[in-house]
Amino acid sequence: MKGKGPAVRKGQLLAMHYEGVFWRNGQVFNSSWAAGGPYAAQIGTGQVMKGWDQALVGQTVGSRMLVVVPPALGYGSKGLAQAGIKADDTLVFVIDLLGAH
């Protein structure tokens, strides 16, 4: 669903809600909704995984997106053990873009 807000620009602080699941089994590994509040990060500067930087810059505030992140654009060959993410995991996210500043 495309939002009617302004386009997200590189370097902006983006507020979002998201849920991440593993492609391999559909299991949720992280969710801002479950954590009880939105997540904020600077976009397009390497603060988040490459897959998010590439997918979110240029999208419009108010959008709900389905983002599929292959391993090379996610956590790479190291994975992220504390979240159960393996080096070869493809990650799938539903992301609501709430605001950008």
N, C-alpha and C. Protein backbone atom coordinates (compact mmCIF):
# COMPACT_ATOMS: atom_id res chain seq x y z
N MET A 1 0.85 -1.16 0.00
CA MET A 1 0.00 0.00 0.00
C MET A 1 0.90 1.23 0.00
N LYS A 2 0.71 2.09 -0.97
CA LYS A 2 1.54 3.28 -1.10
C LYS A 2 0.96 4.41 -0.25
N GLY A 3 1.82 5.00 0.58
CA GLY A 3 1.40 6.12 1.41
C GLY A 3 1.34 7.42 0.64
N LYS A 4 0.68 8.39 1.22
CA LYS A 4 0.50 9.69 0.57
C LYS A 4 1.47 10.75 1.10
N GLY A 5 2.39 10.34 1.99
CA GLY A 5 3.34 11.28 2.57
C GLY A 5 4.51 11.55 1.65
N PRO A 6 5.47 12.33 2.16
CA PRO A 6 6.66 12.66 1.37
C PRO A 6 7.56 11.44 1.17
N ALA A 7 8.38 11.49 0.14
CA ALA A 7 9.34 10.43 -0.13
C ALA A 7 10.46 10.46 0.91
N VAL A 8 10.89 9.29 1.32
CA VAL A 8 11.99 9.14 2.27
C VAL A 8 13.30 9.43 1.54
N ARG A 9 14.12 10.30 2.15
CA ARG A 9 15.41 10.66 1.56
C ARG A 9 16.55 10.05 2.38
N LYS A 10 17.64 9.79 1.70
CA LYS A 10 18.85 9.27 2.34
C LYS A 10 19.25 10.19 3.48
N GLY A 11 19.57 9.60 4.64
CA GLY A 11 20.03 10.35 5.79
C GLY A 11 18.92 10.75 6.76
N GLN A 12 17.66 10.54 6.37
CA GLN A 12 16.57 10.91 7.28
C GLN A 12 16.42 9.89 8.39
N LEU A 13 15.89 10.34 9.52
CA LEU A 13 15.52 9.46 10.62
C LEU A 13 14.12 8.97 10.31
N LEU A 14 13.97 7.66 10.18
CA LEU A 14 12.70 7.06 9.78
C LEU A 14 12.10 6.32 10.96
N ALA A 15 10.84 6.61 11.25
CA ALA A 15 10.09 5.87 12.26
C ALA A 15 9.25 4.82 11.54
N MET A 16 9.30 3.60 12.05
CA MET A 16 8.58 2.52 11.37
C MET A 16 8.16 1.44 12.37
N HIS A 17 7.17 0.70 11.96
CA HIS A 17 6.84 -0.56 12.62
C HIS A 17 7.21 -1.65 11.63
N TYR A 18 7.66 -2.79 12.15
CA TYR A 18 8.05 -3.89 11.26
C TYR A 18 7.91 -5.22 11.96
N GLU A 19 7.82 -6.25 11.15
CA GLU A 19 7.91 -7.62 11.64
C GLU A 19 8.78 -8.38 10.65
N GLY A 20 9.75 -9.11 11.18
CA GLY A 20 10.65 -9.90 10.35
C GLY A 20 10.42 -11.38 10.56
N VAL A 21 10.36 -12.12 9.45
CA VAL A 21 10.21 -13.57 9.51
C VAL A 21 11.26 -14.23 8.62
N PHE A 22 11.55 -15.48 8.92
CA PHE A 22 12.46 -16.26 8.10
C PHE A 22 11.72 -16.80 6.88
N TRP A 23 12.33 -16.69 5.71
CA TRP A 23 11.78 -17.27 4.49
C TRP A 23 11.65 -18.78 4.64
N ARG A 24 12.64 -19.40 5.32
CA ARG A 24 12.72 -20.86 5.39
C ARG A 24 11.55 -21.50 6.13
N ASN A 25 10.96 -20.80 7.10
CA ASN A 25 9.90 -21.44 7.88
C ASN A 25 8.78 -20.49 8.34
N GLY A 26 8.87 -19.21 7.99
CA GLY A 26 7.82 -18.26 8.37
C GLY A 26 7.83 -17.84 9.83
N GLN A 27 8.83 -18.28 10.58
CA GLN A 27 8.90 -17.95 12.01
C GLN A 27 9.32 -16.49 12.20
N VAL A 28 8.60 -15.80 13.09
CA VAL A 28 8.94 -14.41 13.42
C VAL A 28 10.23 -14.40 14.24
N PHE A 29 11.19 -13.55 13.85
CA PHE A 29 12.41 -13.42 14.64
C PHE A 29 12.51 -12.05 15.31
N ASN A 30 11.73 -11.07 14.85
CA ASN A 30 11.77 -9.75 15.48
C ASN A 30 10.53 -8.98 15.05
N SER A 31 10.01 -8.16 15.97
CA SER A 31 8.81 -7.38 15.66
C SER A 31 8.75 -6.15 16.56
N SER A 32 8.65 -4.98 15.94
CA SER A 32 8.48 -3.76 16.75
C SER A 32 7.09 -3.73 17.38
N TRP A 33 6.10 -4.32 16.70
CA TRP A 33 4.76 -4.38 17.29
C TRP A 33 4.80 -5.18 18.58
N ALA A 34 5.46 -6.33 18.56
CA ALA A 34 5.56 -7.16 19.76
C ALA A 34 6.38 -6.47 20.85
N ALA A 35 7.38 -5.66 20.43
CA ALA A 35 8.22 -4.96 21.39
C ALA A 35 7.49 -3.79 22.04
N GLY A 36 6.36 -3.39 21.46
CA GLY A 36 5.54 -2.36 22.09
C GLY A 36 5.73 -0.94 21.59
N GLY A 37 6.54 -0.74 20.57
CA GLY A 37 6.71 0.62 20.07
C GLY A 37 7.45 0.64 18.75
N PRO A 38 7.33 1.75 18.03
CA PRO A 38 8.00 1.87 16.73
C PRO A 38 9.52 1.86 16.88
N TYR A 39 10.17 1.57 15.78
CA TYR A 39 11.62 1.54 15.68
C TYR A 39 12.04 2.76 14.87
N ALA A 40 13.12 3.39 15.24
CA ALA A 40 13.64 4.54 14.50
C ALA A 40 15.09 4.28 14.11
N ALA A 41 15.43 4.65 12.87
CA ALA A 41 16.80 4.48 12.38
C ALA A 41 17.04 5.46 11.25
N GLN A 42 18.30 5.84 11.11
CA GLN A 42 18.70 6.67 9.99
C GLN A 42 18.80 5.77 8.76
N ILE A 43 18.22 6.22 7.66
CA ILE A 43 18.11 5.39 6.46
C ILE A 43 19.08 5.85 5.38
N GLY A 44 19.68 4.87 4.70
CA GLY A 44 20.55 5.16 3.57
C GLY A 44 21.99 5.45 3.95
N THR A 45 22.34 5.20 5.21
CA THR A 45 23.69 5.54 5.68
C THR A 45 24.44 4.34 6.27
N GLY A 46 23.88 3.15 6.17
CA GLY A 46 24.54 1.96 6.70
C GLY A 46 24.20 1.65 8.14
N GLN A 47 23.28 2.38 8.74
CA GLN A 47 22.88 2.09 10.13
C GLN A 47 22.04 0.82 10.21
N VAL A 48 21.31 0.53 9.14
CA VAL A 48 20.51 -0.69 9.07
C VAL A 48 21.06 -1.57 7.95
N MET A 49 20.53 -2.77 7.81
CA MET A 49 21.01 -3.68 6.76
C MET A 49 20.84 -3.06 5.37
N LYS A 50 21.71 -3.46 4.45
CA LYS A 50 21.69 -2.92 3.09
C LYS A 50 20.33 -3.08 2.42
N GLY A 51 19.68 -4.19 2.68
CA GLY A 51 18.38 -4.45 2.07
C GLY A 51 17.35 -3.40 2.46
N TRP A 52 17.39 -2.94 3.72
CA TRP A 52 16.47 -1.88 4.16
C TRP A 52 16.88 -0.55 3.54
N ASP A 53 18.18 -0.23 3.57
CA ASP A 53 18.63 1.02 2.96
C ASP A 53 18.17 1.11 1.51
N GLN A 54 18.33 0.03 0.76
CA GLN A 54 17.96 0.04 -0.65
C GLN A 54 16.44 0.10 -0.85
N ALA A 55 15.70 -0.60 -0.01
CA ALA A 55 14.25 -0.70 -0.20
C ALA A 55 13.49 0.53 0.29
N LEU A 56 13.98 1.19 1.34
CA LEU A 56 13.18 2.23 1.98
C LEU A 56 13.42 3.63 1.44
N VAL A 57 14.64 3.93 0.99
CA VAL A 57 14.91 5.25 0.43
C VAL A 57 14.06 5.41 -0.84
N GLY A 58 13.31 6.49 -0.91
CA GLY A 58 12.45 6.76 -2.05
C GLY A 58 11.00 6.36 -1.85
N GLN A 59 10.73 5.51 -0.86
CA GLN A 59 9.34 5.14 -0.57
C GLN A 59 8.64 6.32 0.12
N THR A 60 7.33 6.29 0.17
CA THR A 60 6.59 7.41 0.75
C THR A 60 6.09 7.07 2.16
N VAL A 61 6.12 8.08 3.02
CA VAL A 61 5.62 7.93 4.38
C VAL A 61 4.14 7.54 4.31
N GLY A 62 3.77 6.61 5.16
CA GLY A 62 2.42 6.08 5.18
C GLY A 62 2.29 4.76 4.43
N SER A 63 3.38 4.33 3.78
CA SER A 63 3.35 3.09 3.00
C SER A 63 3.48 1.87 3.90
N ARG A 64 2.87 0.78 3.48
CA ARG A 64 3.12 -0.54 4.05
C ARG A 64 3.79 -1.34 2.95
N MET A 65 4.93 -1.93 3.31
CA MET A 65 5.74 -2.62 2.31
C MET A 65 6.02 -4.05 2.73
N LEU A 66 6.19 -4.91 1.74
CA LEU A 66 6.72 -6.25 1.93
C LEU A 66 8.11 -6.23 1.33
N VAL A 67 9.12 -6.47 2.16
CA VAL A 67 10.51 -6.38 1.71
C VAL A 67 11.18 -7.74 1.92
N VAL A 68 11.71 -8.30 0.85
CA VAL A 68 12.44 -9.57 0.91
C VAL A 68 13.92 -9.24 0.80
N VAL A 69 14.69 -9.66 1.82
CA VAL A 69 16.11 -9.33 1.89
C VAL A 69 16.93 -10.62 1.75
N PRO A 70 17.66 -10.76 0.63
CA PRO A 70 18.53 -11.93 0.47
C PRO A 70 19.71 -11.84 1.44
N PRO A 71 20.36 -12.96 1.72
CA PRO A 71 21.46 -12.97 2.70
C PRO A 71 22.52 -11.90 2.46
N ALA A 72 22.91 -11.67 1.22
CA ALA A 72 23.98 -10.70 0.93
C ALA A 72 23.59 -9.27 1.30
N LEU A 73 22.29 -8.97 1.35
CA LEU A 73 21.83 -7.63 1.72
C LEU A 73 21.30 -7.58 3.14
N GLY A 74 21.40 -8.72 3.84
CA GLY A 74 20.95 -8.80 5.23
C GLY A 74 22.14 -8.79 6.17
N TYR A 75 22.39 -9.92 6.82
CA TYR A 75 23.48 -10.00 7.79
C TYR A 75 24.70 -10.72 7.25
N GLY A 76 24.67 -11.06 5.95
CA GLY A 76 25.84 -11.61 5.29
C GLY A 76 26.30 -12.95 5.84
N SER A 77 27.57 -13.24 5.65
CA SER A 77 28.13 -14.55 5.99
C SER A 77 28.21 -14.80 7.49
N LYS A 78 28.08 -13.76 8.30
CA LYS A 78 28.13 -13.92 9.76
C LYS A 78 26.77 -14.28 10.34
N GLY A 79 25.68 -13.86 9.67
CA GLY A 79 24.36 -14.04 10.25
C GLY A 79 24.21 -13.15 11.48
N LEU A 80 23.27 -13.47 12.32
CA LEU A 80 23.06 -12.75 13.58
C LEU A 80 22.56 -13.77 14.59
N ALA A 81 23.52 -14.42 15.25
CA ALA A 81 23.23 -15.57 16.11
C ALA A 81 22.20 -15.26 17.19
N GLN A 82 22.26 -14.07 17.82
CA GLN A 82 21.34 -13.77 18.91
C GLN A 82 19.88 -13.72 18.46
N ALA A 83 19.65 -13.53 17.15
CA ALA A 83 18.28 -13.53 16.62
C ALA A 83 17.97 -14.85 15.89
N GLY A 84 18.93 -15.78 15.87
CA GLY A 84 18.73 -17.05 15.19
C GLY A 84 18.88 -16.96 13.68
N ILE A 85 19.48 -15.86 13.19
CA ILE A 85 19.63 -15.65 11.75
C ILE A 85 20.92 -16.32 11.28
N LYS A 86 20.77 -17.25 10.34
CA LYS A 86 21.91 -17.96 9.78
C LYS A 86 22.47 -17.18 8.60
N ALA A 87 23.69 -17.52 8.21
CA ALA A 87 24.38 -16.82 7.12
C ALA A 87 23.62 -16.90 5.80
N ASP A 88 22.87 -17.98 5.59
CA ASP A 88 22.17 -18.15 4.32
C ASP A 88 20.68 -17.83 4.41
N ASP A 89 20.25 -17.16 5.46
CA ASP A 89 18.83 -16.84 5.63
C ASP A 89 18.38 -15.67 4.76
N THR A 90 17.30 -15.90 4.04
CA THR A 90 16.56 -14.82 3.39
C THR A 90 15.53 -14.35 4.40
N LEU A 91 15.42 -13.04 4.55
CA LEU A 91 14.54 -12.45 5.55
C LEU A 91 13.39 -11.72 4.86
N VAL A 92 12.21 -11.82 5.44
CA VAL A 92 11.02 -11.17 4.89
C VAL A 92 10.45 -10.23 5.95
N PHE A 93 10.17 -8.99 5.54
CA PHE A 93 9.68 -7.98 6.47
C PHE A 93 8.39 -7.35 5.96
N VAL A 94 7.47 -7.10 6.86
CA VAL A 94 6.37 -6.17 6.62
C VAL A 94 6.78 -4.90 7.36
N ILE A 95 6.79 -3.77 6.65
CA ILE A 95 7.24 -2.51 7.23
C ILE A 95 6.20 -1.43 6.98
N ASP A 96 5.80 -0.76 8.05
CA ASP A 96 4.94 0.42 7.96
C ASP A 96 5.80 1.66 8.17
N LEU A 97 5.86 2.54 7.18
CA LEU A 97 6.65 3.77 7.28
C LEU A 97 5.78 4.83 7.95
N LEU A 98 6.10 5.16 9.19
CA LEU A 98 5.27 6.05 10.00
C LEU A 98 5.63 7.52 9.85
N GLY A 99 6.90 7.82 9.69
CA GLY A 99 7.32 9.21 9.58
C GLY A 99 8.79 9.31 9.26
N ALA A 100 9.19 10.46 8.72
CA ALA A 100 10.59 10.71 8.37
C ALA A 100 10.93 12.14 8.72
N HIS A 101 12.12 12.30 9.28
CA HIS A 101 12.56 13.65 9.67
C HIS A 101 14.03 13.81 9.36
